[in-house]
């Protein structure tokens, strides 16, 4: 089964949270309410160095995805 690169997540236990799930490596969930990121991977020290440079770009993509999805909903 193929998944989109990003998915929106919702949970009534967290009514103000805005979850975006990144489904490709490195997988993560970001809560746009507070920008908290939960990585769904275990990283080696070498991976962590590479991740530092890539993380900012991936988070920007997640925010852009959310903005795009919301703009489509509002139309």
N, C-alpha and C. Protein backbone atom coordinates (compact mmCIF):
# COMPACT_ATOMS: atom_id res chain seq x y z
N UNK A 1 0.84 -1.17 0.00
CA UNK A 1 0.00 0.00 0.00
C UNK A 1 0.88 1.24 0.00
N UNK A 2 0.55 2.18 -0.83
CA UNK A 2 1.28 3.46 -0.86
C UNK A 2 0.55 4.49 -0.02
N UNK A 3 1.33 5.29 0.67
CA UNK A 3 0.79 6.39 1.46
C UNK A 3 1.30 7.71 0.90
N UNK A 4 0.54 8.79 1.06
CA UNK A 4 1.08 10.10 0.72
C UNK A 4 2.25 10.43 1.64
N UNK A 5 3.09 11.36 1.21
CA UNK A 5 4.24 11.75 2.01
C UNK A 5 3.80 12.34 3.36
N UNK A 6 2.69 13.08 3.36
CA UNK A 6 2.17 13.69 4.59
C UNK A 6 0.71 13.33 4.77
N UNK A 7 0.31 13.19 6.02
CA UNK A 7 -1.08 12.95 6.39
C UNK A 7 -1.45 13.90 7.53
N UNK A 8 -2.71 14.34 7.55
CA UNK A 8 -3.21 15.12 8.69
C UNK A 8 -3.79 14.15 9.70
N UNK A 9 -3.54 14.41 10.97
CA UNK A 9 -4.07 13.56 12.03
C UNK A 9 -4.93 14.38 12.98
N UNK A 10 -5.98 13.75 13.49
CA UNK A 10 -6.90 14.42 14.39
C UNK A 10 -7.26 13.45 15.51
N UNK A 11 -7.46 13.99 16.71
CA UNK A 11 -7.82 13.16 17.84
C UNK A 11 -8.61 14.01 18.82
N UNK A 12 -9.80 13.56 19.18
CA UNK A 12 -10.65 14.36 20.06
C UNK A 12 -10.09 14.50 21.47
N UNK A 13 -9.12 13.65 21.84
CA UNK A 13 -8.47 13.80 23.14
C UNK A 13 -7.52 15.01 23.15
N UNK A 14 -7.19 15.52 21.98
CA UNK A 14 -6.31 16.68 21.84
C UNK A 14 -7.01 17.68 20.91
N UNK A 15 -8.04 18.34 21.41
CA UNK A 15 -8.91 19.15 20.53
C UNK A 15 -8.22 20.34 19.86
N UNK A 16 -7.14 20.84 20.41
CA UNK A 16 -6.48 22.00 19.79
C UNK A 16 -5.25 21.61 18.99
N UNK A 17 -4.86 20.34 19.04
CA UNK A 17 -3.66 19.88 18.35
C UNK A 17 -3.90 19.79 16.85
N UNK A 18 -2.85 20.04 16.09
CA UNK A 18 -2.86 19.91 14.63
C UNK A 18 -1.69 18.99 14.29
N UNK A 19 -1.98 17.72 14.06
CA UNK A 19 -0.93 16.74 13.79
C UNK A 19 -0.70 16.57 12.29
N UNK A 20 0.56 16.61 11.90
CA UNK A 20 0.95 16.25 10.54
C UNK A 20 1.91 15.08 10.67
N UNK A 21 1.64 14.01 9.93
CA UNK A 21 2.45 12.79 9.97
C UNK A 21 3.27 12.71 8.69
N UNK A 22 4.58 12.58 8.84
CA UNK A 22 5.48 12.38 7.70
C UNK A 22 5.70 10.88 7.59
N UNK A 23 5.32 10.27 6.46
CA UNK A 23 5.30 8.81 6.33
C UNK A 23 6.56 8.22 5.72
N UNK A 24 7.46 9.05 5.23
CA UNK A 24 8.69 8.55 4.62
C UNK A 24 9.84 8.70 5.61
N UNK A 25 10.94 8.00 5.36
CA UNK A 25 12.10 8.11 6.25
C UNK A 25 12.70 9.51 6.15
N UNK A 26 12.96 10.13 7.24
CA UNK A 26 12.72 9.75 8.63
C UNK A 26 11.29 10.10 9.03
N UNK A 27 10.56 9.12 9.48
CA UNK A 27 9.16 9.31 9.84
C UNK A 27 9.04 10.12 11.14
N UNK A 28 8.05 11.01 11.17
CA UNK A 28 7.81 11.80 12.38
C UNK A 28 6.39 12.30 12.40
N UNK A 29 5.98 12.76 13.57
CA UNK A 29 4.70 13.45 13.76
C UNK A 29 5.04 14.80 14.36
N UNK A 30 4.48 15.85 13.77
CA UNK A 30 4.65 17.19 14.34
C UNK A 30 3.28 17.72 14.75
N UNK A 31 3.24 18.32 15.91
CA UNK A 31 2.04 19.00 16.38
C UNK A 31 2.26 20.48 16.07
N UNK A 32 1.54 21.00 15.10
CA UNK A 32 1.73 22.39 14.69
C UNK A 32 1.25 23.38 15.73
N UNK A 33 0.49 22.91 16.70
CA UNK A 33 0.05 23.79 17.78
C UNK A 33 1.24 24.32 18.57
N UNK A 34 2.24 23.46 18.81
CA UNK A 34 3.40 23.86 19.61
C UNK A 34 4.74 23.48 18.97
N UNK A 35 4.70 22.99 17.73
CA UNK A 35 5.90 22.59 16.97
C UNK A 35 6.68 21.45 17.62
N UNK A 36 6.03 20.67 18.47
CA UNK A 36 6.68 19.51 19.06
C UNK A 36 6.77 18.40 18.02
N UNK A 37 7.95 17.80 17.91
CA UNK A 37 8.19 16.74 16.93
C UNK A 37 8.49 15.44 17.66
N UNK A 38 7.84 14.38 17.23
CA UNK A 38 8.10 13.04 17.75
C UNK A 38 8.64 12.20 16.58
N UNK A 39 9.89 11.80 16.68
CA UNK A 39 10.51 10.99 15.63
C UNK A 39 10.12 9.54 15.84
N UNK A 40 9.77 8.87 14.76
CA UNK A 40 9.33 7.48 14.81
C UNK A 40 10.43 6.52 14.37
N UNK A 41 11.65 6.99 14.42
CA UNK A 41 12.82 6.21 14.02
C UNK A 41 13.83 6.23 15.16
N UNK A 42 14.69 5.23 15.18
CA UNK A 42 15.86 5.24 16.06
C UNK A 42 17.05 5.64 15.21
N UNK A 43 17.82 6.61 15.68
CA UNK A 43 18.92 7.15 14.90
C UNK A 43 20.27 6.85 15.55
N UNK A 44 21.24 6.56 14.72
CA UNK A 44 22.62 6.45 15.20
C UNK A 44 23.17 7.87 15.32
N UNK A 45 24.33 8.01 15.93
CA UNK A 45 24.94 9.34 16.05
C UNK A 45 25.23 9.92 14.68
N UNK A 46 25.65 9.09 13.75
CA UNK A 46 25.91 9.56 12.39
C UNK A 46 24.62 10.04 11.73
N UNK A 47 23.54 9.29 11.93
CA UNK A 47 22.24 9.68 11.37
C UNK A 47 21.78 11.01 11.96
N UNK A 48 22.03 11.22 13.24
CA UNK A 48 21.59 12.44 13.90
C UNK A 48 22.24 13.67 13.28
N UNK A 49 23.50 13.56 12.87
CA UNK A 49 24.17 14.70 12.22
C UNK A 49 23.49 15.04 10.90
N UNK A 50 23.16 14.02 10.13
CA UNK A 50 22.48 14.24 8.86
C UNK A 50 21.07 14.76 9.09
N UNK A 51 20.42 14.25 10.11
CA UNK A 51 19.05 14.65 10.43
C UNK A 51 18.98 16.13 10.78
N UNK A 52 19.95 16.63 11.49
CA UNK A 52 19.95 18.05 11.87
C UNK A 52 19.82 18.93 10.65
N UNK A 53 20.52 18.61 9.58
CA UNK A 53 20.47 19.44 8.39
C UNK A 53 19.17 19.23 7.61
N UNK A 54 18.59 18.06 7.71
CA UNK A 54 17.38 17.75 6.96
C UNK A 54 16.10 18.10 7.70
N UNK A 55 16.12 18.11 9.01
CA UNK A 55 14.92 18.28 9.83
C UNK A 55 14.21 19.59 9.55
N UNK A 56 14.94 20.67 9.48
CA UNK A 56 14.31 21.97 9.25
C UNK A 56 13.54 21.97 7.94
N UNK A 57 14.14 21.43 6.89
CA UNK A 57 13.48 21.37 5.59
C UNK A 57 12.21 20.51 5.65
N UNK A 58 12.29 19.36 6.31
CA UNK A 58 11.12 18.48 6.41
C UNK A 58 9.99 19.14 7.19
N UNK A 59 10.32 19.86 8.24
CA UNK A 59 9.30 20.53 9.03
C UNK A 59 8.66 21.65 8.23
N UNK A 60 9.45 22.38 7.46
CA UNK A 60 8.90 23.41 6.58
C UNK A 60 7.95 22.79 5.56
N UNK A 61 8.30 21.62 5.03
CA UNK A 61 7.42 20.93 4.08
C UNK A 61 6.11 20.51 4.76
N UNK A 62 6.19 20.07 6.01
CA UNK A 62 4.99 19.67 6.75
C UNK A 62 4.06 20.86 6.95
N UNK A 63 4.62 22.00 7.29
CA UNK A 63 3.81 23.21 7.48
C UNK A 63 3.20 23.64 6.15
N UNK A 64 3.95 23.60 5.07
CA UNK A 64 3.44 23.95 3.75
C UNK A 64 2.31 23.00 3.34
N UNK A 65 2.47 21.72 3.63
CA UNK A 65 1.41 20.74 3.35
C UNK A 65 0.13 21.12 4.10
N UNK A 66 0.25 21.41 5.38
CA UNK A 66 -0.92 21.79 6.17
C UNK A 66 -1.59 23.04 5.59
N UNK A 67 -0.79 24.05 5.30
CA UNK A 67 -1.35 25.29 4.73
C UNK A 67 -2.08 25.02 3.42
N UNK A 68 -1.49 24.16 2.58
CA UNK A 68 -2.12 23.82 1.30
C UNK A 68 -3.45 23.10 1.52
N UNK A 69 -3.46 22.13 2.44
CA UNK A 69 -4.67 21.38 2.70
C UNK A 69 -5.78 22.29 3.25
N UNK A 70 -5.44 23.16 4.15
CA UNK A 70 -6.42 24.08 4.73
C UNK A 70 -6.95 25.04 3.68
N UNK A 71 -6.08 25.52 2.80
CA UNK A 71 -6.55 26.44 1.76
C UNK A 71 -7.52 25.73 0.80
N UNK A 72 -7.30 24.47 0.53
CA UNK A 72 -8.22 23.69 -0.31
C UNK A 72 -9.56 23.49 0.38
N UNK A 73 -9.52 23.31 1.68
CA UNK A 73 -10.75 23.11 2.46
C UNK A 73 -11.58 24.38 2.50
N UNK A 74 -10.91 25.53 2.58
CA UNK A 74 -11.60 26.81 2.71
C UNK A 74 -12.21 27.28 1.40
N UNK A 75 -11.75 26.74 0.28
CA UNK A 75 -12.27 27.18 -1.03
C UNK A 75 -13.66 26.69 -1.29
